[in-house]
Amino acid sequence: MHVNTNIELSQKDELQQIRQFWLRDPNEPDWADSLPAIYRSVFDKDINWVENDAGAFTEPDAILLKEIELEHGAPAEMAINGSGMRDTARVLKINKDTVINTLKKRKASSRR
């Protein structure tokens, strides 16, 4: 399929914003930072991407979190979405330790 690279569907600043949304998605963060590679593969050129230094998790962070999860049994989701635990506990009117223990048990049972 031929792609017409002369048509600009999204402005470069919009692509920068989309990339930041992808990097910080609380449910499925793009730790691999794939948007620059997608853009490069389609348009065979690159743009001057904003440096990602605002605290988003990266692919090496994901690997490290998985290692910690395996070694210590602390679910990676807890590190990524710490506020999610507090919000869950508040809404359910339970202690946040209950949420943490439930997540740990769920991870332990899924490894069996």
PDB file of N, CA and C in Angstrom:
ATOM      1  N   MET A   1       0.836  -1.172   0.000  1.00  0.00           N
ATOM      2  CA  MET A   1       0.000   0.000   0.000  1.00  0.00           C
ATOM      3  C   MET A   1       0.888   1.245   0.000  1.00  0.00           C
ATOM      4  N   HIS A   2       0.558   2.197  -0.823  1.00  0.00           N
ATOM      5  CA  HIS A   2       1.320   3.439  -0.899  1.00  0.00           C
ATOM      6  C   HIS A   2       0.731   4.460   0.068  1.00  0.00           C
ATOM      7  N   VAL A   3       1.581   5.091   0.843  1.00  0.00           N
ATOM      8  CA  VAL A   3       1.146   6.117   1.782  1.00  0.00           C
ATOM      9  C   VAL A   3       1.612   7.460   1.254  1.00  0.00           C
ATOM     10  N   ASN A   4       0.683   8.386   1.110  1.00  0.00           N
ATOM     11  CA  ASN A   4       1.021   9.740   0.667  1.00  0.00           C
ATOM     12  C   ASN A   4       1.539  10.514   1.872  1.00  0.00           C
ATOM     13  N   THR A   5       2.829  10.730   1.924  1.00  0.00           N
ATOM     14  CA  THR A   5       3.430  11.403   3.075  1.00  0.00           C
ATOM     15  C   THR A   5       3.378  12.920   2.948  1.00  0.00           C
ATOM     16  N   ASN A   6       2.765  13.426   1.892  1.00  0.00           N
ATOM     17  CA  ASN A   6       2.647  14.871   1.723  1.00  0.00           C
ATOM     18  C   ASN A   6       1.437  15.434   2.461  1.00  0.00           C
ATOM     19  N   ILE A   7       0.514  14.576   2.854  1.00  0.00           N
ATOM     20  CA  ILE A   7      -0.679  15.006   3.574  1.00  0.00           C
ATOM     21  C   ILE A   7      -0.361  14.973   5.064  1.00  0.00           C
ATOM     22  N   GLU A   8      -0.621  16.066   5.756  1.00  0.00           N
ATOM     23  CA  GLU A   8      -0.333  16.138   7.184  1.00  0.00           C
ATOM     24  C   GLU A   8      -1.644  16.067   7.950  1.00  0.00           C
ATOM     25  N   LEU A   9      -1.960  14.885   8.491  1.00  0.00           N
ATOM     26  CA  LEU A   9      -3.206  14.685   9.221  1.00  0.00           C
ATOM     27  C   LEU A   9      -3.133  15.256  10.632  1.00  0.00           C
ATOM     28  N   SER A  10      -1.984  15.191  11.231  1.00  0.00           N
ATOM     29  CA  SER A  10      -1.770  15.729  12.572  1.00  0.00           C
ATOM     30  C   SER A  10      -0.568  16.654  12.532  1.00  0.00           C
ATOM     31  N   GLN A  11      -0.698  17.763  13.208  1.00  0.00           N
ATOM     32  CA  GLN A  11       0.428  18.690  13.324  1.00  0.00           C
ATOM     33  C   GLN A  11       1.477  18.071  14.250  1.00  0.00           C
ATOM     34  N   LYS A  12       2.698  18.501  14.107  1.00  0.00           N
ATOM     35  CA  LYS A  12       3.778  17.941  14.928  1.00  0.00           C
ATOM     36  C   LYS A  12       3.543  18.171  16.421  1.00  0.00           C
ATOM     37  N   ASP A  13       2.988  19.329  16.788  1.00  0.00           N
ATOM     38  CA  ASP A  13       2.721  19.551  18.212  1.00  0.00           C
ATOM     39  C   ASP A  13       1.621  18.623  18.727  1.00  0.00           C
ATOM     40  N   GLU A  14       0.678  18.248  17.866  1.00  0.00           N
ATOM     41  CA  GLU A  14      -0.349  17.276  18.253  1.00  0.00           C
ATOM     42  C   GLU A  14       0.273  15.901  18.462  1.00  0.00           C
ATOM     43  N   LEU A  15       1.216  15.539  17.599  1.00  0.00           N
ATOM     44  CA  LEU A  15       1.910  14.261  17.764  1.00  0.00           C
ATOM     45  C   LEU A  15       2.694  14.232  19.079  1.00  0.00           C
ATOM     46  N   GLN A  16       3.287  15.361  19.427  1.00  0.00           N
ATOM     47  CA  GLN A  16       4.023  15.442  20.700  1.00  0.00           C
ATOM     48  C   GLN A  16       3.062  15.184  21.870  1.00  0.00           C
ATOM     49  N   GLN A  17       1.869  15.776  21.810  1.00  0.00           N
ATOM     50  CA  GLN A  17       0.871  15.584  22.872  1.00  0.00           C
ATOM     51  C   GLN A  17       0.383  14.133  22.920  1.00  0.00           C
ATOM     52  N   ILE A  18       0.119  13.568  21.748  1.00  0.00           N
ATOM     53  CA  ILE A  18      -0.319  12.167  21.686  1.00  0.00           C
ATOM     54  C   ILE A  18       0.735  11.267  22.313  1.00  0.00           C
ATOM     55  N   ARG A  19       1.987  11.531  21.991  1.00  0.00           N
ATOM     56  CA  ARG A  19       3.086  10.735  22.553  1.00  0.00           C
ATOM     57  C   ARG A  19       3.084  10.820  24.074  1.00  0.00           C
ATOM     58  N   GLN A  20       2.896  12.020  24.611  1.00  0.00           N
ATOM     59  CA  GLN A  20       2.884  12.173  26.070  1.00  0.00           C
ATOM     60  C   GLN A  20       1.704  11.429  26.695  1.00  0.00           C
ATOM     61  N   PHE A  21       0.528  11.468  26.042  1.00  0.00           N
ATOM     62  CA  PHE A  21      -0.620  10.706  26.535  1.00  0.00           C
ATOM     63  C   PHE A  21      -0.308   9.214  26.540  1.00  0.00           C
ATOM     64  N   TRP A  22       0.294   8.734  25.469  1.00  0.00           N
ATOM     65  CA  TRP A  22       0.640   7.312  25.392  1.00  0.00           C
ATOM     66  C   TRP A  22       1.616   6.933  26.497  1.00  0.00           C
ATOM     67  N   LEU A  23       2.626   7.769  26.722  1.00  0.00           N
ATOM     68  CA  LEU A  23       3.644   7.468  27.733  1.00  0.00           C
ATOM     69  C   LEU A  23       3.050   7.427  29.135  1.00  0.00           C
ATOM     70  N   ARG A  24       2.028   8.252  29.388  1.00  0.00           N
ATOM     71  CA  ARG A  24       1.479   8.376  30.739  1.00  0.00           C
ATOM     72  C   ARG A  24       0.124   7.708  30.921  1.00  0.00           C
ATOM     73  N   ASP A  25      -0.304   6.918  29.957  1.00  0.00           N
ATOM     74  CA  ASP A  25      -1.586   6.229  30.083  1.00  0.00           C
ATOM     75  C   ASP A  25      -1.565   5.395  31.361  1.00  0.00           C
ATOM     76  N   PRO A  26      -2.497   5.629  32.289  1.00  0.00           N
ATOM     77  CA  PRO A  26      -2.451   4.903  33.559  1.00  0.00           C
ATOM     78  C   PRO A  26      -2.770   3.410  33.434  1.00  0.00           C
ATOM     79  N   ASN A  27      -3.442   3.015  32.367  1.00  0.00           N
ATOM     80  CA  ASN A  27      -3.805   1.609  32.211  1.00  0.00           C
ATOM     81  C   ASN A  27      -2.820   0.829  31.368  1.00  0.00           C
ATOM     82  N   GLU A  28      -2.357   1.429  30.285  1.00  0.00           N
ATOM     83  CA  GLU A  28      -1.398   0.758  29.401  1.00  0.00           C
ATOM     84  C   GLU A  28      -0.349   1.761  28.919  1.00  0.00           C
ATOM     85  N   PRO A  29       0.581   2.116  29.792  1.00  0.00           N
ATOM     86  CA  PRO A  29       1.596   3.086  29.365  1.00  0.00           C
ATOM     87  C   PRO A  29       2.486   2.518  28.259  1.00  0.00           C
ATOM     88  N   ASP A  30       2.864   3.380  27.343  1.00  0.00           N
ATOM     89  CA  ASP A  30       3.725   2.988  26.225  1.00  0.00           C
ATOM     90  C   ASP A  30       5.189   3.106  26.659  1.00  0.00           C
ATOM     91  N   TRP A  31       5.629   2.139  27.470  1.00  0.00           N
ATOM     92  CA  TRP A  31       6.982   2.187  28.011  1.00  0.00           C
ATOM     93  C   TRP A  31       8.031   2.095  26.923  1.00  0.00           C
ATOM     94  N   ALA A  32       7.684   1.518  25.794  1.00  0.00           N
ATOM     95  CA  ALA A  32       8.648   1.396  24.693  1.00  0.00           C
ATOM     96  C   ALA A  32       8.762   2.696  23.912  1.00  0.00           C
ATOM     97  N   ASP A  33       7.891   3.670  24.204  1.00  0.00           N
ATOM     98  CA  ASP A  33       7.892   4.954  23.491  1.00  0.00           C
ATOM     99  C   ASP A  33       7.848   4.722  21.985  1.00  0.00           C
ATOM    100  N   SER A  34       6.780   4.087  21.534  1.00  0.00           N
ATOM    101  CA  SER A  34       6.698   3.594  20.156  1.00  0.00           C
ATOM    102  C   SER A  34       6.297   4.620  19.104  1.00  0.00           C
ATOM    103  N   LEU A  35       5.710   5.755  19.484  1.00  0.00           N
ATOM    104  CA  LEU A  35       5.250   6.706  18.474  1.00  0.00           C
ATOM    105  C   LEU A  35       6.371   7.210  17.559  1.00  0.00           C
ATOM    106  N   PRO A  36       7.546   7.582  18.069  1.00  0.00           N
ATOM    107  CA  PRO A  36       8.612   8.000  17.146  1.00  0.00           C
ATOM    108  C   PRO A  36       8.973   6.922  16.119  1.00  0.00           C
ATOM    109  N   ALA A  37       9.000   5.665  16.536  1.00  0.00           N
ATOM    110  CA  ALA A  37       9.322   4.575  15.603  1.00  0.00           C
ATOM    111  C   ALA A  37       8.210   4.385  14.573  1.00  0.00           C
ATOM    112  N   ILE A  38       6.960   4.520  15.003  1.00  0.00           N
ATOM    113  CA  ILE A  38       5.836   4.412  14.062  1.00  0.00           C
ATOM    114  C   ILE A  38       5.924   5.532  13.029  1.00  0.00           C
ATOM    115  N   TYR A  39       6.146   6.741  13.499  1.00  0.00           N
ATOM    116  CA  TYR A  39       6.251   7.890  12.592  1.00  0.00           C
ATOM    117  C   TYR A  39       7.383   7.675  11.587  1.00  0.00           C
ATOM    118  N   ARG A  40       8.528   7.230  12.097  1.00  0.00           N
ATOM    119  CA  ARG A  40       9.701   6.995  11.249  1.00  0.00           C
ATOM    120  C   ARG A  40       9.423   5.914  10.208  1.00  0.00           C
ATOM    121  N   SER A  41       8.713   4.866  10.592  1.00  0.00           N
ATOM    122  CA  SER A  41       8.442   3.773   9.650  1.00  0.00           C
ATOM    123  C   SER A  41       7.455   4.189   8.557  1.00  0.00           C
ATOM    124  N   VAL A  42       6.541   5.098   8.878  1.00  0.00           N
ATOM    125  CA  VAL A  42       5.561   5.543   7.892  1.00  0.00           C
ATOM    126  C   VAL A  42       6.133   6.627   6.980  1.00  0.00           C
ATOM    127  N   PHE A  43       6.816   7.600   7.573  1.00  0.00           N
ATOM    128  CA  PHE A  43       7.252   8.769   6.802  1.00  0.00           C
ATOM    129  C   PHE A  43       8.725   8.734   6.408  1.00  0.00           C
ATOM    130  N   ASP A  44       9.459   7.750   6.872  1.00  0.00           N
ATOM    131  CA  ASP A  44      10.877   7.602   6.556  1.00  0.00           C
ATOM    132  C   ASP A  44      11.680   8.853   6.904  1.00  0.00           C
ATOM    133  N   LYS A  45      11.270   9.503   7.966  1.00  0.00           N
ATOM    134  CA  LYS A  45      12.000  10.657   8.506  1.00  0.00           C
ATOM    135  C   LYS A  45      11.616  10.783   9.966  1.00  0.00           C
ATOM    136  N   ASP A  46      12.277  11.657  10.652  1.00  0.00           N
ATOM    137  CA  ASP A  46      12.008  11.852  12.066  1.00  0.00           C
ATOM    138  C   ASP A  46      11.671  13.308  12.312  1.00  0.00           C
ATOM    139  N   ILE A  47      11.058  13.581  13.458  1.00  0.00           N
ATOM    140  CA  ILE A  47      10.864  14.964  13.873  1.00  0.00           C
ATOM    141  C   ILE A  47      11.639  15.164  15.164  1.00  0.00           C
ATOM    142  N   ASN A  48      11.783  16.375  15.570  1.00  0.00           N
ATOM    143  CA  ASN A  48      12.516  16.692  16.787  1.00  0.00           C
ATOM    144  C   ASN A  48      11.597  16.458  17.989  1.00  0.00           C
ATOM    145  N   TRP A  49      11.620  15.212  18.505  1.00  0.00           N
ATOM    146  CA  TRP A  49      10.725  14.849  19.601  1.00  0.00           C
ATOM    147  C   TRP A  49      11.159  15.514  20.899  1.00  0.00           C
ATOM    148  N   VAL A  50      10.189  15.912  21.694  1.00  0.00           N
ATOM    149  CA  VAL A  50      10.462  16.473  23.012  1.00  0.00           C
ATOM    150  C   VAL A  50      11.076  15.382  23.873  1.00  0.00           C
ATOM    151  N   GLU A  51      12.121  15.721  24.596  1.00  0.00           N
ATOM    152  CA  GLU A  51      12.772  14.751  25.481  1.00  0.00           C
ATOM    153  C   GLU A  51      11.809  14.345  26.584  1.00  0.00           C
ATOM    154  N   ASN A  52      11.698  13.053  26.811  1.00  0.00           N
ATOM    155  CA  ASN A  52      10.781  12.530  27.816  1.00  0.00           C
ATOM    156  C   ASN A  52      11.487  12.492  29.165  1.00  0.00           C
ATOM    157  N   ASP A  53      11.329  13.565  29.939  1.00  0.00           N
ATOM    158  CA  ASP A  53      11.991  13.603  31.243  1.00  0.00           C
ATOM    159  C   ASP A  53      11.031  13.998  32.353  1.00  0.00           C
ATOM    160  N   ALA A  54       9.753  13.790  32.140  1.00  0.00           N
ATOM    161  CA  ALA A  54       8.758  14.255  33.110  1.00  0.00           C
ATOM    162  C   ALA A  54       8.245  13.146  34.020  1.00  0.00           C
ATOM    163  N   GLY A  55       9.031  12.113  34.217  1.00  0.00           N
ATOM    164  CA  GLY A  55       8.662  11.106  35.188  1.00  0.00           C
ATOM    165  C   GLY A  55       7.854   9.935  34.667  1.00  0.00           C
ATOM    166  N   ALA A  56       7.671   9.807  33.389  1.00  0.00           N
ATOM    167  CA  ALA A  56       6.955   8.648  32.862  1.00  0.00           C
ATOM    168  C   ALA A  56       7.870   7.427  32.933  1.00  0.00           C
ATOM    169  N   PHE A  57       7.262   6.262  33.139  1.00  0.00           N
ATOM    170  CA  PHE A  57       8.037   5.032  33.154  1.00  0.00           C
ATOM    171  C   PHE A  57       8.539   4.724  31.753  1.00  0.00           C
ATOM    172  N   THR A  58       9.713   4.098  31.674  1.00  0.00           N
ATOM    173  CA  THR A  58      10.317   3.734  30.397  1.00  0.00           C
ATOM    174  C   THR A  58      10.394   2.211  30.303  1.00  0.00           C
ATOM    175  N   GLU A  59      10.796   1.715  29.150  1.00  0.00           N
ATOM    176  CA  GLU A  59      10.914   0.265  28.975  1.00  0.00           C
ATOM    177  C   GLU A  59      11.902  -0.351  29.970  1.00  0.00           C
ATOM    178  N   PRO A  60      13.092   0.263  30.195  1.00  0.00           N
ATOM    179  CA  PRO A  60      13.983  -0.294  31.226  1.00  0.00           C
ATOM    180  C   PRO A  60      13.341  -0.303  32.616  1.00  0.00           C
ATOM    181  N   ASP A  61      12.512   0.717  32.896  1.00  0.00           N
ATOM    182  CA  ASP A  61      11.796   0.726  34.176  1.00  0.00           C
ATOM    183  C   ASP A  61      10.853  -0.467  34.269  1.00  0.00           C
ATOM    184  N   ALA A  62      10.179  -0.775  33.172  1.00  0.00           N
ATOM    185  CA  ALA A  62       9.245  -1.905  33.149  1.00  0.00           C
ATOM    186  C   ALA A  62       9.975  -3.209  33.444  1.00  0.00           C
ATOM    187  N   ILE A  63      11.146  -3.369  32.855  1.00  0.00           N
ATOM    188  CA  ILE A  63      11.939  -4.585  33.092  1.00  0.00           C
ATOM    189  C   ILE A  63      12.345  -4.670  34.554  1.00  0.00           C
ATOM    190  N   LEU A  64      12.806  -3.555  35.100  1.00  0.00           N
ATOM    191  CA  LEU A  64      13.207  -3.519  36.506  1.00  0.00           C
ATOM    192  C   LEU A  64      12.027  -3.807  37.428  1.00  0.00           C
ATOM    193  N   LEU A  65      10.878  -3.212  37.141  1.00  0.00           N
ATOM    194  CA  LEU A  65       9.699  -3.460  37.972  1.00  0.00           C
ATOM    195  C   LEU A  65       9.277  -4.924  37.932  1.00  0.00           C
ATOM    196  N   LYS A  66       9.384  -5.546  36.772  1.00  0.00           N
ATOM    197  CA  LYS A  66       9.038  -6.970  36.668  1.00  0.00           C
ATOM    198  C   LYS A  66      10.012  -7.818  37.477  1.00  0.00           C
ATOM    199  N   GLU A  67      11.301  -7.455  37.462  1.00  0.00           N
ATOM    200  CA  GLU A  67      12.288  -8.178  38.270  1.00  0.00           C
ATOM    201  C   GLU A  67      11.973  -8.037  39.756  1.00  0.00           C
ATOM    202  N   ILE A  68      11.615  -6.819  40.172  1.00  0.00           N
ATOM    203  CA  ILE A  68      11.259  -6.589  41.576  1.00  0.00           C
ATOM    204  C   ILE A  68      10.007  -7.379  41.927  1.00  0.00           C
ATOM    205  N   GLU A  69       9.066  -7.398  41.007  1.00  0.00           N
ATOM    206  CA  GLU A  69       7.833  -8.146  41.235  1.00  0.00           C
ATOM    207  C   GLU A  69       8.127  -9.628  41.454  1.00  0.00           C
ATOM    208  N   LEU A  70       8.998 -10.197  40.614  1.00  0.00           N
ATOM    209  CA  LEU A  70       9.340 -11.611  40.748  1.00  0.00           C
ATOM    210  C   LEU A  70      10.100 -11.888  42.038  1.00  0.00           C
ATOM    211  N   GLU A  71      11.009 -10.976  42.384  1.00  0.00           N
ATOM    212  CA  GLU A  71      11.859 -11.192  43.550  1.00  0.00           C
ATOM    213  C   GLU A  71      11.132 -10.945  44.877  1.00  0.00           C
ATOM    214  N   HIS A  72      10.288  -9.890  44.907  1.00  0.00           N
ATOM    215  CA  HIS A  72       9.690  -9.482  46.179  1.00  0.00           C
ATOM    216  C   HIS A  72       8.171  -9.653  46.238  1.00  0.00           C
ATOM    217  N   GLY A  73       7.557 -10.026  45.128  1.00  0.00           N
ATOM    218  CA  GLY A  73       6.114 -10.234  45.131  1.00  0.00           C
ATOM    219  C   GLY A  73       5.291  -8.971  45.163  1.00  0.00           C
ATOM    220  N   ALA A  74       5.908  -7.831  44.869  1.00  0.00           N
ATOM    221  CA  ALA A  74       5.169  -6.567  44.840  1.00  0.00           C
ATOM    222  C   ALA A  74       4.694  -6.315  43.413  1.00  0.00           C
ATOM    223  N   PRO A  75       3.383  -6.343  43.187  1.00  0.00           N
ATOM    224  CA  PRO A  75       2.876  -6.164  41.825  1.00  0.00           C
ATOM    225  C   PRO A  75       3.344  -4.846  41.199  1.00  0.00           C
ATOM    226  N   ALA A  76       3.790  -4.917  39.958  1.00  0.00           N
ATOM    227  CA  ALA A  76       4.280  -3.737  39.252  1.00  0.00           C
ATOM    228  C   ALA A  76       3.211  -2.658  39.169  1.00  0.00           C
ATOM    229  N   GLU A  77       1.935  -3.061  39.097  1.00  0.00           N
ATOM    230  CA  GLU A  77       0.851  -2.090  39.004  1.00  0.00           C
ATOM    231  C   GLU A  77       0.851  -1.143  40.201  1.00  0.00           C
ATOM    232  N   MET A  78       1.318  -1.635  41.351  1.00  0.00           N
ATOM    233  CA  MET A  78       1.338  -0.791  42.541  1.00  0.00           C
ATOM    234  C   MET A  78       2.322   0.355  42.372  1.00  0.00           C
ATOM    235  N   ALA A  79       3.466   0.091  41.782  1.00  0.00           N
ATOM    236  CA  ALA A  79       4.453   1.146  41.581  1.00  0.00           C
ATOM    237  C   ALA A  79       4.002   2.123  40.508  1.00  0.00           C
ATOM    238  N   ILE A  80       3.358   1.597  39.495  1.00  0.00           N
ATOM    239  CA  ILE A  80       2.945   2.433  38.369  1.00  0.00           C
ATOM    240  C   ILE A  80       1.776   3.316  38.750  1.00  0.00           C
ATOM    241  N   ASN A  81       0.842   2.779  39.502  1.00  0.00           N
ATOM    242  CA  ASN A  81      -0.388   3.494  39.770  1.00  0.00           C
ATOM    243  C   ASN A  81      -0.666   3.538  41.260  1.00  0.00           C
ATOM    244  N   GLY A  82       0.266   4.104  42.025  1.00  0.00           N
ATOM    245  CA  GLY A  82       0.115   4.176  43.466  1.00  0.00           C
ATOM    246  C   GLY A  82      -1.147   4.900  43.889  1.00  0.00           C
ATOM    247  N   SER A  83      -1.509   5.947  43.181  1.00  0.00           N
ATOM    248  CA  SER A  83      -2.719   6.681  43.551  1.00  0.00           C
ATOM    249  C   SER A  83      -3.952   5.827  43.316  1.00  0.00           C
ATOM    250  N   GLY A  84      -3.879   4.882  42.388  1.00  0.00           N
ATOM    251  CA  GLY A  84      -5.010   3.997  42.133  1.00  0.00           C
ATOM    252  C   GLY A  84      -5.367   3.168  43.350  1.00  0.00           C
ATOM    253  N   MET A  85      -4.366   2.754  44.104  1.00  0.00           N
ATOM    254  CA  MET A  85      -4.617   1.982  45.322  1.00  0.00           C
ATOM    255  C   MET A  85      -5.344   2.832  46.352  1.00  0.00           C
ATOM    256  N   ARG A  86      -4.866   4.054  46.537  1.00  0.00           N
ATOM    257  CA  ARG A  86      -5.502   4.934  47.517  1.00  0.00           C
ATOM    258  C   ARG A  86      -6.940   5.242  47.117  1.00  0.00           C
ATOM    259  N   ASP A  87      -7.142   5.516  45.827  1.00  0.00           N
ATOM    260  CA  ASP A  87      -8.492   5.813  45.348  1.00  0.00           C
ATOM    261  C   ASP A  87      -9.412   4.616  45.530  1.00  0.00           C
ATOM    262  N   THR A  88      -8.913   3.422  45.216  1.00  0.00           N
ATOM    263  CA  THR A  88      -9.717   2.207  45.378  1.00  0.00           C
ATOM    264  C   THR A  88     -10.114   2.024  46.839  1.00  0.00           C
ATOM    265  N   ALA A  89      -9.155   2.184  47.741  1.00  0.00           N
ATOM    266  CA  ALA A  89      -9.430   2.031  49.169  1.00  0.00           C
ATOM    267  C   ALA A  89     -10.455   3.064  49.641  1.00  0.00           C
ATOM    268  N   ARG A  90     -10.311   4.290  49.186  1.00  0.00           N
ATOM    269  CA  ARG A  90     -11.225   5.359  49.597  1.00  0.00           C
ATOM    270  C   ARG A  90     -12.643   5.072  49.115  1.00  0.00           C
ATOM    271  N   VAL A  91     -12.786   4.699  47.845  1.00  0.00           N
ATOM    272  CA  VAL A  91     -14.111   4.451  47.277  1.00  0.00           C
ATOM    273  C   VAL A  91     -14.775   3.257  47.948  1.00  0.00           C
ATOM    274  N   LEU A  92     -14.002   2.189  48.195  1.00  0.00           N
ATOM    275  CA  LEU A  92     -14.561   0.990  48.821  1.00  0.00           C
ATOM    276  C   LEU A  92     -14.644   1.101  50.345  1.00  0.00           C
ATOM    277  N   LYS A  93     -14.086   2.203  50.888  1.00  0.00           N
ATOM    278  CA  LYS A  93     -14.061   2.437  52.332  1.00  0.00           C
ATOM    279  C   LYS A  93     -13.362   1.294  53.078  1.00  0.00           C
ATOM    280  N   ILE A  94     -12.187   0.920  52.542  1.00  0.00           N
ATOM    281  CA  ILE A  94     -11.366  -0.103  53.177  1.00  0.00           C
ATOM    282  C   ILE A  94      -9.952   0.453  53.330  1.00  0.00           C
ATOM    283  N   ASN A  95      -9.138  -0.229  54.088  1.00  0.00           N
ATOM    284  CA  ASN A  95      -7.753   0.178  54.297  1.00  0.00           C
ATOM    285  C   ASN A  95      -6.945  -0.081  53.034  1.00  0.00           C
ATOM    286  N   LYS A  96      -6.005   0.823  52.720  1.00  0.00           N
ATOM    287  CA  LYS A  96      -5.198   0.618  51.502  1.00  0.00           C
ATOM    288  C   LYS A  96      -4.343  -0.635  51.604  1.00  0.00           C
ATOM    289  N   ASP A  97      -4.010  -1.068  52.831  1.00  0.00           N
ATOM    290  CA  ASP A  97      -3.254  -2.313  52.992  1.00  0.00           C
ATOM    291  C   ASP A  97      -4.071  -3.512  52.504  1.00  0.00           C
ATOM    292  N   THR A  98      -5.388  -3.426  52.636  1.00  0.00           N
ATOM    293  CA  THR A  98      -6.255  -4.496  52.136  1.00  0.00           C
ATOM    294  C   THR A  98      -6.156  -4.578  50.617  1.00  0.00           C
ATOM    295  N   VAL A  99      -6.120  -3.417  49.973  1.00  0.00           N
ATOM    296  CA  VAL A  99      -5.978  -3.384  48.515  1.00  0.00           C
ATOM    297  C   VAL A  99      -4.629  -3.983  48.118  1.00  0.00           C
ATOM    298  N   ILE A 100      -3.575  -3.583  48.822  1.00  0.00           N
ATOM    299  CA  ILE A 100      -2.228  -4.084  48.518  1.00  0.00           C
ATOM    300  C   ILE A 100      -2.177  -5.603  48.693  1.00  0.00           C
ATOM    301  N   ASN A 101      -2.697  -6.091  49.808  1.00  0.00           N
ATOM    302  CA  ASN A 101      -2.677  -7.538  50.057  1.00  0.00           C
ATOM    303  C   ASN A 101      -3.489  -8.305  49.027  1.00  0.00           C
ATOM    304  N   THR A 102      -4.615  -7.734  48.608  1.00  0.00           N
ATOM    305  CA  THR A 102      -5.433  -8.379  47.588  1.00  0.00           C
ATOM    306  C   THR A 102      -4.682  -8.470  46.268  1.00  0.00           C
ATOM    307  N   LEU A 103      -3.989  -7.388  45.901  1.00  0.00           N
ATOM    308  CA  LEU A 103      -3.205  -7.414  44.665  1.00  0.00           C
ATOM    309  C   LEU A 103      -2.087  -8.454  44.748  1.00  0.00           C
ATOM    310  N   LYS A 104      -1.423  -8.522  45.902  1.00  0.00           N
ATOM    311  CA  LYS A 104      -0.359  -9.510  46.073  1.00  0.00           C
ATOM    312  C   LYS A 104      -0.899 -10.933  45.947  1.00  0.00           C
ATOM    313  N   LYS A 105      -2.052 -11.187  46.579  1.00  0.00           N
ATOM    314  CA  LYS A 105      -2.652 -12.524  46.500  1.00  0.00           C
ATOM    315  C   LYS A 105      -3.044 -12.860  45.058  1.00  0.00           C
ATOM    316  N   ARG A 106      -3.590 -11.863  44.356  1.00  0.00           N
ATOM    317  CA  ARG A 106      -3.994 -12.091  42.970  1.00  0.00           C
ATOM    318  C   ARG A 106      -2.774 -12.448  42.121  1.00  0.00           C
ATOM    319  N   LYS A 107      -1.680 -11.727  42.324  1.00  0.00           N
ATOM    320  CA  LYS A 107      -0.449 -12.024  41.566  1.00  0.00           C
ATOM    321  C   LYS A 107       0.081 -13.398  41.919  1.00  0.00           C
ATOM    322  N   ALA A 108       0.050 -13.750  43.200  1.00  0.00           N
ATOM    323  CA  ALA A 108       0.564 -15.061  43.642  1.00  0.00           C
ATOM    324  C   ALA A 108      -0.267 -16.186  43.040  1.00  0.00           C
ATOM    325  N   SER A 109      -1.587 -16.027  43.029  1.00  0.00           N
ATOM    326  CA  SER A 109      -2.441 -17.090  42.497  1.00  0.00           C
ATOM    327  C   SER A 109      -2.329 -17.187  40.975  1.00  0.00           C
ATOM    328  N   SER A 110      -2.027 -16.083  40.301  1.00  0.00           N
ATOM    329  CA  SER A 110      -1.899 -16.133  38.836  1.00  0.00           C
ATOM    330  C   SER A 110      -0.594 -16.797  38.398  1.00  0.00           C
ATOM    331  N   ARG A 111       0.387 -16.898  39.307  1.00  0.00           N
ATOM    332  CA  ARG A 111       1.675 -17.539  38.963  1.00  0.00           C
ATOM    333  C   ARG A 111       1.614 -19.046  39.089  1.00  0.00           C
ATOM    334  N   ARG A 112       0.577 -19.568  39.714  1.00  0.00           N
ATOM    335  CA  ARG A 112       0.483 -21.023  39.926  1.00  0.00           C
ATOM    336  C   ARG A 112       0.074 -21.753  38.693  1.00  0.00           C
TER     337      ARG A 112
END
